[in-house]
Amino acid sequence: MTDFYEILGVSKDASKDEIKSAFRKKARTLHPDVNKAPDAEEKFKELGKAYDTLMDDNKRATYDRYGEDGLQNAGFDTGGPFAGGFGDLNDIFNSFFGGMGMGFGGGAPDPNAPQEGDHIRCDIEISFEEAVFGVKKEVTFEHLEVCPDCNGSGAEKGSKPETCPTCGGTGQVRQVTRTPLGAFTQISTCPDCGGSGVKITNPCKTCKGYGRIEKEKKIEIKIPAGVDTGSKIRVSGEGDSGKNGGAPGDLFVIIHVKESDYFKRDGVNVFTKLEITPAQAALGDEVVIRTLEGEHTLNIPAGIQSGQPMRLKGKGISHVSRPDKHGDHIVIVTVKIPTQLGEEEKLLYKKLYEINLNKVHQSSSNTIMDKVKGVFNNA
């Protein structure tokens, strides 16, 4: 025998509030949209029957005395509210509990309650150097401000908004439909006030009854050192103004950094290239390079290889959250081979060639050209 109290998980003396609460919890786990078990649909229908029976005083009294068969014998409909199918879970809660929805907030929200304004976005482009060292910038943006003429009410001076007579200020209208499956409540936005709960018979000429106006604004913001493309700066209270006295939203400034022709950035590290001659690579040298902080003397060790990096600790970009901590400057050393040599340079390179390889140097270009000429002369 089906036990409706057991299905809902309540005691036989449970109050209607306890039955409602139990149904909400069970419905959230048994609805076929959530529960993919093969018997979920059948269990959900049984849950609806249990709720429908125990929430009706006459049905409950008959059930307590005679059981489910007694309901049928007494002429009650025992199919339950979901015998002919059911919608999504949110629709069910809107019908059963007057628009509480999935959040179960205890009723429809007050349309005249303070509402926070929307956040807005503003994009700004800065140079590589400004991103590295920080800068102050003026940004221009448009946002909604409270109308100065009606102070946000939307009504012309000398008048005020009135409670909507259709919805009584709730912003919603309800229509109860009785069917063989039970009574269902359909909730919709009030057609007369558009959900605001108030009617403005004499709208403000400045804002056209909206209560807010769009206005351009300029402010100066401080961009900290170390920002990169995609960094966000939040300016509190500079977004759209709220409704009904609600707090304004925030302004989010999105940073875009131009690339440098000299420095390449990777996080807080920067990279540069340094070309040196074969002689500098073999013997070592002192060279002056450009860093973020200005000129710096770099000691090149003797025997350095082309492509070898040299790291300057702490010469990179500062961390945004820790300005006292910096990344590194990494110098990629490349050995540049000369393409044209003077006579004196040729003699020196030949001498070096003979010392290193212990043989006399022969010009590869002459040898190749001689071979090419020989091929064509013999053809």
Protein backbone atom coordinates (compact mmCIF):
# COMPACT_ATOMS: atom_id res chain seq x y z
CA MET A 1 0.00 0.00 0.00
CA THR A 2 1.32 3.48 -0.95
CA ASP A 3 2.17 5.66 2.03
CA PHE A 4 1.97 9.31 1.04
CA TYR A 5 3.62 10.42 4.28
CA GLU A 6 6.54 8.12 3.64
CA ILE A 7 6.87 9.37 0.03
CA LEU A 8 7.17 12.94 1.28
CA GLY A 9 9.27 11.95 4.28
CA VAL A 10 7.04 13.65 6.86
CA SER A 11 5.21 12.51 9.96
CA LYS A 12 1.43 11.88 10.02
CA ASP A 13 0.87 15.10 12.00
CA ALA A 14 3.00 17.25 9.69
CA SER A 15 1.78 20.78 9.07
CA LYS A 16 1.11 22.16 5.60
CA ASP A 17 4.30 24.20 5.78
CA GLU A 18 6.28 21.05 6.54
CA ILE A 19 4.58 19.26 3.63
CA LYS A 20 5.40 22.14 1.28
CA SER A 21 9.02 22.17 2.38
CA ALA A 22 9.31 18.41 1.96
CA PHE A 23 7.78 18.56 -1.50
CA ARG A 24 10.22 21.27 -2.61
CA LYS A 25 13.22 19.25 -1.50
CA LYS A 26 12.00 15.99 -2.99
CA ALA A 27 10.92 17.62 -6.26
CA ARG A 28 14.40 19.03 -6.79
CA THR A 29 15.93 15.55 -6.71
CA LEU A 30 13.17 13.49 -8.36
CA HIS A 31 12.23 15.66 -11.34
CA PRO A 32 13.20 13.79 -14.56
CA ASP A 33 15.14 16.83 -15.77
CA VAL A 34 17.52 16.26 -12.86
CA ASN A 35 17.12 12.58 -12.05
CA LYS A 36 17.91 10.26 -14.95
CA ALA A 37 16.87 7.04 -13.19
CA PRO A 38 14.37 4.92 -15.19
CA ASP A 39 11.70 5.21 -12.50
CA ALA A 40 12.21 8.94 -11.81
CA GLU A 41 9.10 9.98 -13.74
CA GLU A 42 6.88 7.52 -11.90
CA LYS A 43 8.29 8.55 -8.53
CA PHE A 44 7.76 12.21 -9.38
CA LYS A 45 4.12 11.55 -10.24
CA GLU A 46 3.67 9.70 -6.92
CA LEU A 47 5.26 12.67 -5.14
CA GLY A 48 2.70 14.97 -6.79
CA LYS A 49 -0.17 12.71 -5.71
CA ALA A 50 1.10 12.67 -2.14
CA TYR A 51 1.42 16.46 -2.04
CA ASP A 52 -1.96 17.04 -3.70
CA THR A 53 -3.68 14.70 -1.22
CA LEU A 54 -2.09 15.90 2.00
CA MET A 55 -2.46 19.60 1.21
CA ASP A 56 -6.25 19.20 0.77
CA ASP A 57 -7.99 18.91 4.16
CA ASN A 58 -10.87 16.76 2.87
CA LYS A 59 -8.61 14.45 0.86
CA ARG A 60 -6.20 14.09 3.74
CA ALA A 61 -8.96 13.21 6.23
CA THR A 62 -10.36 10.57 3.86
CA TYR A 63 -6.89 9.19 3.13
CA ASP A 64 -5.97 8.99 6.82
CA ARG A 65 -9.11 6.96 7.51
CA TYR A 66 -9.55 4.81 4.42
CA GLY A 67 -6.29 5.01 2.44
CA GLU A 68 -5.93 5.59 -1.31
CA ASP A 69 -8.83 3.23 -2.13
CA GLY A 70 -11.04 5.32 0.08
CA LEU A 71 -10.23 8.41 -1.97
CA GLN A 72 -11.37 6.67 -5.13
CA ASN A 73 -14.53 5.35 -3.50
CA ALA A 74 -15.31 8.88 -2.25
CA GLY A 75 -15.10 10.20 -5.79
CA PHE A 76 -11.86 12.15 -5.45
CA ASP A 77 -9.51 12.42 -8.41
CA THR A 78 -6.46 10.34 -7.43
CA GLY A 79 -4.43 10.82 -10.61
CA GLY A 80 -2.41 13.64 -9.08
CA PRO A 81 -1.43 16.94 -10.70
CA PHE A 82 1.17 15.32 -13.01
CA ALA A 83 -0.92 12.49 -14.42
CA GLY A 84 -1.10 14.23 -17.78
CA GLY A 85 2.53 15.32 -17.84
CA PHE A 86 4.54 18.15 -16.34
CA GLY A 87 6.74 21.06 -17.41
CA ASP A 88 10.19 22.01 -16.22
CA LEU A 89 10.93 22.31 -12.53
CA ASN A 90 10.83 26.09 -12.43
CA ASP A 91 7.37 26.12 -14.04
CA ILE A 92 6.15 23.69 -11.40
CA PHE A 93 7.31 25.85 -8.53
CA ASN A 94 5.87 28.96 -10.15
CA SER A 95 2.50 27.19 -10.35
CA PHE A 96 2.55 25.61 -6.91
CA PHE A 97 4.17 28.33 -4.85
CA GLY A 98 3.30 31.59 -6.54
CA GLY A 99 6.55 32.40 -8.30
CA MET A 100 9.10 31.25 -5.73
CA GLY A 101 11.01 29.49 -8.47
CA MET A 102 14.13 27.44 -7.99
CA GLY A 103 15.52 29.84 -5.41
CA PHE A 104 12.60 29.36 -2.97
CA GLY A 105 13.00 32.92 -1.86
CA GLY A 106 9.61 33.08 -0.14
CA GLY A 107 7.60 35.00 -2.76
CA ALA A 108 7.86 37.38 -5.67
CA PRO A 109 10.55 40.06 -5.34
CA ASP A 110 9.49 43.61 -4.56
CA PRO A 111 9.74 45.55 -7.86
CA ASN A 112 10.26 48.78 -5.91
CA ALA A 113 13.11 47.47 -3.81
CA PRO A 114 16.53 49.15 -4.34
CA GLN A 115 18.36 47.63 -7.32
CA GLU A 116 22.08 47.94 -7.89
CA GLY A 117 23.15 49.63 -11.14
CA ASP A 118 24.89 47.77 -13.92
CA HIS A 119 28.66 47.58 -14.23
CA ILE A 120 30.12 49.15 -17.35
CA ARG A 121 33.33 48.67 -19.33
CA CYS A 122 35.79 51.13 -20.78
CA ASP A 123 38.85 50.19 -22.89
CA ILE A 124 42.06 52.22 -22.92
CA GLU A 125 45.35 51.88 -24.82
CA ILE A 126 48.68 52.84 -23.25
CA SER A 127 52.30 52.65 -24.35
CA PHE A 128 54.74 49.96 -23.29
CA GLU A 129 56.62 52.42 -21.09
CA GLU A 130 53.42 53.62 -19.40
CA ALA A 131 52.54 50.01 -18.60
CA VAL A 132 56.00 49.39 -17.14
CA PHE A 133 56.23 52.47 -14.95
CA GLY A 134 52.56 53.30 -14.30
CA VAL A 135 50.70 56.41 -15.36
CA LYS A 136 47.68 58.59 -14.68
CA LYS A 137 45.17 58.68 -17.50
CA GLU A 138 41.91 60.48 -18.16
CA VAL A 139 39.17 58.16 -19.38
CA THR A 140 35.88 59.18 -20.97
CA PHE A 141 32.80 56.99 -20.78
CA GLU A 142 29.01 57.14 -20.78
CA HIS A 143 26.86 55.89 -17.95
CA LEU A 144 23.40 56.32 -16.49
CA GLU A 145 22.95 58.91 -13.77
CA VAL A 146 19.92 59.70 -11.62
CA CYS A 147 17.78 62.28 -13.37
CA PRO A 148 18.41 65.63 -11.61
CA ASP A 149 14.92 66.94 -12.35
CA CYS A 150 12.85 64.10 -10.87
CA ASN A 151 15.53 62.66 -8.57
CA GLY A 152 15.00 59.21 -10.06
CA SER A 153 11.25 58.96 -9.56
CA GLY A 154 10.42 59.31 -13.25
CA ALA A 155 7.57 61.68 -12.44
CA GLU A 156 7.39 65.36 -13.34
CA LYS A 157 7.99 67.86 -10.54
CA GLY A 158 4.90 68.26 -8.38
CA SER A 159 3.71 64.71 -9.06
CA LYS A 160 4.74 61.24 -7.97
CA PRO A 161 4.37 57.65 -9.15
CA GLU A 162 1.22 55.83 -8.08
CA THR A 163 0.80 52.22 -7.10
CA CYS A 164 -0.36 50.20 -10.07
CA PRO A 165 -4.05 49.35 -9.50
CA THR A 166 -3.85 46.22 -11.65
CA CYS A 167 -1.14 44.38 -9.69
CA GLY A 168 -1.32 46.29 -6.42
CA GLY A 169 2.35 47.21 -6.67
CA THR A 170 3.68 43.67 -6.98
CA GLY A 171 4.55 43.95 -10.66
CA GLN A 172 2.91 40.59 -11.33
CA VAL A 173 -0.55 39.29 -12.03
CA ARG A 174 -1.80 35.81 -11.20
CA GLN A 175 -4.41 33.79 -12.95
CA VAL A 176 -5.75 30.65 -11.30
CA THR A 177 -6.93 27.93 -13.64
CA ARG A 178 -8.86 24.94 -12.32
CA THR A 179 -8.48 21.72 -14.27
CA PRO A 180 -9.28 18.06 -13.59
CA LEU A 181 -5.64 17.77 -12.59
CA GLY A 182 -5.91 20.44 -9.92
CA ALA A 183 -5.65 24.21 -9.61
CA PHE A 184 -2.72 25.87 -11.32
CA THR A 185 -1.53 29.43 -10.85
CA GLN A 186 -0.01 31.23 -13.82
CA ILE A 187 2.17 34.22 -12.97
CA SER A 188 3.05 36.89 -15.53
CA THR A 189 4.41 40.42 -15.65
CA CYS A 190 1.76 43.04 -15.09
CA PRO A 191 0.75 44.41 -18.53
CA ASP A 192 -0.14 47.86 -17.18
CA CYS A 193 3.09 48.75 -15.34
CA GLY A 194 5.55 46.44 -17.10
CA GLY A 195 6.58 44.85 -13.80
CA SER A 196 7.56 48.06 -12.01
CA GLY A 197 4.56 48.03 -9.66
CA VAL A 198 3.92 51.73 -10.23
CA LYS A 199 2.27 53.90 -12.87
CA ILE A 200 3.52 57.34 -13.85
CA THR A 201 0.69 59.43 -15.25
CA ASN A 202 2.84 62.58 -15.66
CA PRO A 203 6.34 61.45 -16.70
CA CYS A 204 9.39 63.66 -16.27
CA LYS A 205 10.21 65.53 -19.47
CA THR A 206 13.96 65.20 -18.96
CA CYS A 207 14.20 61.43 -18.56
CA LYS A 208 10.86 60.50 -20.20
CA GLY A 209 9.80 58.69 -17.02
CA TYR A 210 12.84 56.44 -16.91
CA GLY A 211 14.34 58.07 -13.80
CA ARG A 212 17.88 58.01 -15.23
CA ILE A 213 19.67 59.81 -18.04
CA GLU A 214 22.72 58.90 -20.10
CA LYS A 215 25.63 61.22 -19.49
CA GLU A 216 29.27 61.41 -20.55
CA LYS A 217 31.82 61.60 -17.77
CA LYS A 218 35.58 62.05 -17.54
CA ILE A 219 37.66 60.86 -14.62
CA GLU A 220 41.36 60.42 -13.97
CA ILE A 221 42.52 56.96 -13.00
CA LYS A 222 45.85 55.74 -11.71
CA ILE A 223 47.26 52.81 -13.68
CA PRO A 224 49.78 50.92 -11.53
CA ALA A 225 53.20 49.87 -12.80
CA GLY A 226 53.37 46.38 -14.27
CA VAL A 227 49.96 46.14 -15.93
CA ASP A 228 49.65 44.17 -19.16
CA THR A 229 47.11 43.75 -21.93
CA GLY A 230 43.91 42.40 -20.39
CA SER A 231 44.53 43.89 -16.93
CA LYS A 232 41.39 45.30 -15.30
CA ILE A 233 41.11 48.34 -13.06
CA ARG A 234 37.92 48.56 -11.04
CA VAL A 235 36.60 52.01 -10.16
CA SER A 236 33.84 51.65 -7.58
CA GLY A 237 30.61 53.56 -8.00
CA GLU A 238 31.28 54.87 -11.52
CA GLY A 239 28.95 52.45 -13.34
CA ASP A 240 25.26 53.00 -14.00
CA SER A 241 23.25 54.47 -11.15
CA GLY A 242 20.94 52.11 -9.30
CA LYS A 243 17.16 52.09 -9.34
CA ASN A 244 14.90 52.99 -6.41
CA GLY A 245 17.86 54.31 -4.45
CA GLY A 246 20.08 51.30 -5.14
CA ALA A 247 23.86 51.58 -5.18
CA PRO A 248 25.58 52.39 -8.49
CA GLY A 249 27.54 49.76 -10.38
CA ASP A 250 31.28 49.90 -11.00
CA LEU A 251 33.45 50.93 -13.93
CA PHE A 252 35.92 48.35 -15.25
CA VAL A 253 38.79 49.82 -17.27
CA ILE A 254 40.37 47.22 -19.57
CA ILE A 255 44.04 47.86 -20.42
CA HIS A 256 45.58 47.36 -23.88
CA VAL A 257 49.35 47.80 -24.10
CA LYS A 258 51.18 48.73 -27.32
CA GLU A 259 54.17 46.57 -28.18
CA SER A 260 57.71 47.92 -27.87
CA ASP A 261 60.06 47.95 -30.83
CA TYR A 262 63.00 47.05 -28.59
CA PHE A 263 61.72 45.07 -25.61
CA LYS A 264 59.77 41.83 -25.82
CA ARG A 265 57.69 41.03 -22.77
CA ASP A 266 56.86 37.71 -21.12
CA GLY A 267 54.99 38.35 -17.89
CA VAL A 268 57.32 40.38 -15.69
CA ASN A 269 60.44 39.45 -17.70
CA VAL A 270 61.72 41.37 -20.71
CA PHE A 271 63.95 40.13 -23.53
CA THR A 272 66.31 42.01 -25.83
CA LYS A 273 68.81 40.93 -28.50
CA LEU A 274 72.49 41.86 -28.58
CA GLU A 275 74.67 41.33 -31.63
CA ILE A 276 78.45 40.96 -31.08
CA THR A 277 81.37 40.21 -33.36
CA PRO A 278 83.24 36.88 -33.43
CA ALA A 279 86.17 38.65 -31.77
CA GLN A 280 83.98 39.87 -28.89
CA ALA A 281 82.55 36.39 -28.50
CA ALA A 282 86.01 34.79 -28.40
CA LEU A 283 87.77 37.36 -26.21
CA GLY A 284 84.91 38.77 -24.13
CA ASP A 285 84.05 42.45 -23.84
CA GLU A 286 82.22 45.18 -21.99
CA VAL A 287 79.26 46.69 -23.84
CA VAL A 288 76.62 49.26 -22.91
CA ILE A 289 73.03 48.13 -23.42
CA ARG A 290 69.63 49.72 -22.93
CA THR A 291 67.48 48.47 -20.03
CA LEU A 292 64.18 49.63 -18.56
CA GLU A 293 66.14 51.70 -16.06
CA GLY A 294 68.50 53.25 -18.63
CA GLU A 295 71.99 52.35 -19.83
CA HIS A 296 73.76 49.40 -18.23
CA THR A 297 77.28 47.98 -18.70
CA LEU A 298 77.17 44.30 -19.57
CA ASN A 299 80.25 42.09 -19.18
CA ILE A 300 80.38 39.50 -21.96
CA PRO A 301 82.39 36.46 -20.92
CA ALA A 302 85.06 35.10 -23.26
CA GLY A 303 83.90 32.14 -25.31
CA ILE A 304 80.19 32.98 -25.23
CA GLN A 305 78.15 31.06 -27.81
CA SER A 306 75.65 32.52 -30.24
CA GLY A 307 72.12 32.31 -28.82
CA GLN A 308 73.30 32.12 -25.23
CA PRO A 309 71.18 34.19 -22.79
CA MET A 310 72.52 36.51 -20.13
CA ARG A 311 70.23 37.31 -17.23
CA LEU A 312 70.10 40.64 -15.42
CA LYS A 313 68.32 39.87 -12.15
CA GLY A 314 65.67 42.33 -11.04
CA LYS A 315 65.96 44.50 -14.15
CA GLY A 316 62.55 43.49 -15.51
CA ILE A 317 59.00 44.69 -14.85
CA SER A 318 57.55 45.11 -11.36
CA HIS A 319 54.74 42.88 -10.11
CA VAL A 320 51.42 44.74 -9.95
CA SER A 321 50.60 43.33 -6.51
CA ARG A 322 54.19 43.69 -5.23
CA PRO A 323 55.82 46.81 -6.68
CA ASP A 324 59.07 46.12 -4.81
CA LYS A 325 59.54 42.81 -6.67
CA HIS A 326 60.74 42.79 -10.27
CA GLY A 327 61.24 40.28 -13.03
CA ASP A 328 64.48 39.87 -14.99
CA HIS A 329 65.96 41.36 -18.14
CA ILE A 330 67.24 38.56 -20.37
CA VAL A 331 69.73 39.43 -23.11
CA ILE A 332 69.97 36.98 -26.02
CA VAL A 333 73.49 37.22 -27.43
CA THR A 334 73.97 36.50 -31.13
CA VAL A 335 77.32 36.42 -32.94
CA LYS A 336 77.14 38.33 -36.19
CA ILE A 337 79.37 37.01 -38.95
CA PRO A 338 80.66 39.78 -41.22
CA THR A 339 79.67 39.50 -44.87
CA GLN A 340 82.31 41.89 -46.20
CA LEU A 341 85.92 42.01 -45.03
CA GLY A 342 88.72 44.49 -45.65
CA GLU A 343 92.13 43.26 -46.77
CA GLU A 344 93.58 43.51 -43.27
CA GLU A 345 90.63 41.59 -41.83
CA LYS A 346 91.00 38.88 -44.45
CA LEU A 347 94.67 38.42 -43.57
CA LEU A 348 93.87 38.17 -39.87
CA TYR A 349 91.04 35.67 -40.41
CA LYS A 350 93.28 33.56 -42.70
CA LYS A 351 95.98 33.56 -40.07
CA LEU A 352 93.45 32.49 -37.44
CA TYR A 353 92.14 29.81 -39.79
CA GLU A 354 95.62 28.37 -40.28
CA ILE A 355 96.30 28.39 -36.54
CA ASN A 356 93.01 26.68 -35.66
CA LEU A 357 92.95 24.09 -38.46
CA ASN A 358 96.71 23.74 -39.16
CA LYS A 359 96.28 24.09 -42.91
CA VAL A 360 96.45 26.77 -45.55
CA HIS A 361 93.16 28.47 -46.35
CA GLN A 362 91.82 28.37 -49.89
CA SER A 363 88.96 30.63 -50.93
CA SER A 364 85.83 28.53 -51.18
CA SER A 365 84.24 30.98 -53.58
CA ASN A 366 87.15 30.75 -56.04
CA THR A 367 87.25 26.98 -55.81
CA ILE A 368 83.52 26.67 -56.53
CA MET A 369 83.65 29.14 -59.39
CA ASP A 370 86.63 27.35 -60.91
CA LYS A 371 84.70 24.07 -60.79
CA VAL A 372 81.64 25.65 -62.38
CA LYS A 373 83.72 27.18 -65.15
CA GLY A 374 85.39 23.84 -65.77
CA VAL A 375 82.04 22.08 -66.13
CA PHE A 376 80.78 24.55 -68.72
CA ASN A 377 84.11 24.65 -70.60
CA ASN A 378 84.07 20.88 -70.98
CA ALA A 379 80.47 20.79 -72.11
